[in-house]
């Protein structure tokens, strides 16, 4: 049984670019306008019930428990075993959120594994 190497089509590359930029953009927005911005942090800690405060609370709980990094690592491991665009997209989202929202070590390892998912033996030449 011959295995074909995992290669992305141009449409899949464009999809990953859009998803990656949106994920990192939203993570940067959360980090700098919800988590680290002192005015928003003080208002949310005082009991303000807005969408940004809910998003701040969820992001804080998730990155304190390393959920972004662990999720990215699990998805990346699955991607190395059986590469697919779905796993690559999920791993990219989780790793992008993890890199920006303080789960750097696990998310960096996951990005390395996602890249390793493309490493397949070259076809034998005759």
Protein backbone atom coordinates (compact mmCIF):
# COMPACT_ATOMS: atom_id res chain seq x y z
CA UNK A 1 0.00 0.00 0.00
CA UNK A 2 1.52 3.29 -1.13
CA UNK A 3 1.12 6.38 1.03
CA UNK A 4 0.73 9.68 -0.75
CA UNK A 5 2.48 12.63 0.90
CA UNK A 6 0.35 15.24 2.63
CA UNK A 7 0.33 18.35 0.46
CA UNK A 8 -1.88 21.41 0.69
CA UNK A 9 -3.74 22.88 -2.24
CA UNK A 10 -3.54 26.64 -2.83
CA UNK A 11 -7.10 27.03 -1.48
CA UNK A 12 -6.16 25.21 1.70
CA UNK A 13 -3.12 27.45 2.16
CA UNK A 14 -5.32 30.52 1.76
CA UNK A 15 -7.79 29.07 4.27
CA UNK A 16 -4.99 28.50 6.79
CA UNK A 17 -3.67 32.04 6.26
CA UNK A 18 -7.11 33.55 6.93
CA UNK A 19 -7.75 31.35 9.98
CA UNK A 20 -4.25 32.00 11.35
CA UNK A 21 -4.46 35.78 11.00
CA UNK A 22 -7.96 35.89 12.53
CA UNK A 23 -6.93 33.70 15.45
CA UNK A 24 -3.77 35.62 16.27
CA UNK A 25 -5.58 38.94 15.76
CA UNK A 26 -8.33 38.00 18.19
CA UNK A 27 -5.78 36.68 20.69
CA UNK A 28 -3.83 39.95 20.47
CA UNK A 29 -7.08 41.88 20.98
CA UNK A 30 -7.89 39.82 24.08
CA UNK A 31 -4.39 40.13 25.48
CA UNK A 32 -3.87 43.85 25.03
CA UNK A 33 -7.43 45.20 25.39
CA UNK A 34 -8.93 42.82 27.93
CA UNK A 35 -6.23 41.10 29.99
CA UNK A 36 -3.44 43.68 30.23
CA UNK A 37 -5.33 46.95 29.78
CA UNK A 38 -5.67 48.28 33.33
CA UNK A 39 -8.90 50.22 32.80
CA UNK A 40 -10.71 47.17 31.44
CA UNK A 41 -9.18 44.89 34.06
CA UNK A 42 -10.27 47.14 36.92
CA UNK A 43 -13.78 47.52 35.51
CA UNK A 44 -14.15 43.77 35.02
CA UNK A 45 -12.79 43.02 38.48
CA UNK A 46 -15.28 45.52 39.92
CA UNK A 47 -18.16 43.50 38.48
CA UNK A 48 -18.87 44.91 35.03
CA UNK A 49 -20.89 42.38 33.03
CA UNK A 50 -19.96 42.90 29.37
CA UNK A 51 -18.89 40.59 26.57
CA UNK A 52 -15.25 41.66 26.88
CA UNK A 53 -15.29 40.87 30.59
CA UNK A 54 -16.74 37.42 29.91
CA UNK A 55 -14.14 36.81 27.20
CA UNK A 56 -11.42 38.00 29.62
CA UNK A 57 -12.66 35.63 32.30
CA UNK A 58 -12.78 32.65 29.93
CA UNK A 59 -9.35 33.41 28.44
CA UNK A 60 -7.83 33.84 31.90
CA UNK A 61 -9.20 30.54 33.18
CA UNK A 62 -8.08 28.70 30.04
CA UNK A 63 -4.52 30.01 29.97
CA UNK A 64 -4.02 29.53 33.73
CA UNK A 65 -4.82 25.84 33.23
CA UNK A 66 -2.71 25.59 30.02
CA UNK A 67 -5.73 24.48 28.01
CA UNK A 68 -4.54 26.20 24.82
CA UNK A 69 -1.13 24.53 24.92
CA UNK A 70 -2.39 21.07 25.87
CA UNK A 71 -5.08 21.17 23.19
CA UNK A 72 -2.59 22.31 20.56
CA UNK A 73 -0.17 19.56 21.57
CA UNK A 74 -2.82 16.82 21.40
CA UNK A 75 -4.09 17.99 18.01
CA UNK A 76 -0.54 18.31 16.66
CA UNK A 77 0.28 14.78 17.80
CA UNK A 78 -2.79 13.49 16.00
CA UNK A 79 -1.75 15.49 12.94
CA UNK A 80 1.68 13.83 12.90
CA UNK A 81 0.07 10.39 13.03
CA UNK A 82 -2.66 11.10 10.45
CA UNK A 83 -2.26 14.44 8.66
CA UNK A 84 -5.41 16.26 7.54
CA UNK A 85 -6.51 19.82 6.90
CA UNK A 86 -9.02 19.64 9.76
CA UNK A 87 -6.38 18.71 12.31
CA UNK A 88 -3.98 21.27 10.87
CA UNK A 89 -6.60 24.01 11.17
CA UNK A 90 -7.52 23.05 14.74
CA UNK A 91 -3.89 22.83 15.76
CA UNK A 92 -3.15 26.20 14.17
CA UNK A 93 -6.03 27.84 16.05
CA UNK A 94 -5.09 26.32 19.41
CA UNK A 95 -1.37 27.04 18.96
CA UNK A 96 -2.01 30.61 17.81
CA UNK A 97 -4.15 31.32 20.85
CA UNK A 98 -1.60 29.59 23.10
CA UNK A 99 1.40 31.51 21.78
CA UNK A 100 -0.25 34.89 22.32
CA UNK A 101 -2.03 34.01 25.57
CA UNK A 102 0.97 32.83 27.61
CA UNK A 103 1.07 29.05 26.88
CA UNK A 104 4.28 29.46 24.93
CA UNK A 105 6.17 26.24 25.67
CA UNK A 106 3.44 23.74 24.86
CA UNK A 107 2.16 25.75 21.90
CA UNK A 108 5.66 26.13 20.46
CA UNK A 109 6.16 22.38 20.71
CA UNK A 110 2.80 21.88 19.00
CA UNK A 111 3.80 24.18 16.13
CA UNK A 112 6.95 22.12 15.68
CA UNK A 113 4.87 18.95 15.53
CA UNK A 114 2.47 20.54 13.04
CA UNK A 115 5.44 21.29 10.78
CA UNK A 116 6.72 17.75 11.31
CA UNK A 117 3.40 16.48 9.94
CA UNK A 118 4.63 17.51 6.49
CA UNK A 119 7.82 15.44 6.81
CA UNK A 120 7.15 12.31 4.84
CA UNK A 121 9.68 10.17 3.01
CA UNK A 122 10.31 11.27 -0.53
CA UNK A 123 9.08 8.94 -3.24
CA UNK A 124 11.71 6.54 -4.50
CA UNK A 125 13.30 7.57 -7.75
CA UNK A 126 13.96 5.02 -10.45
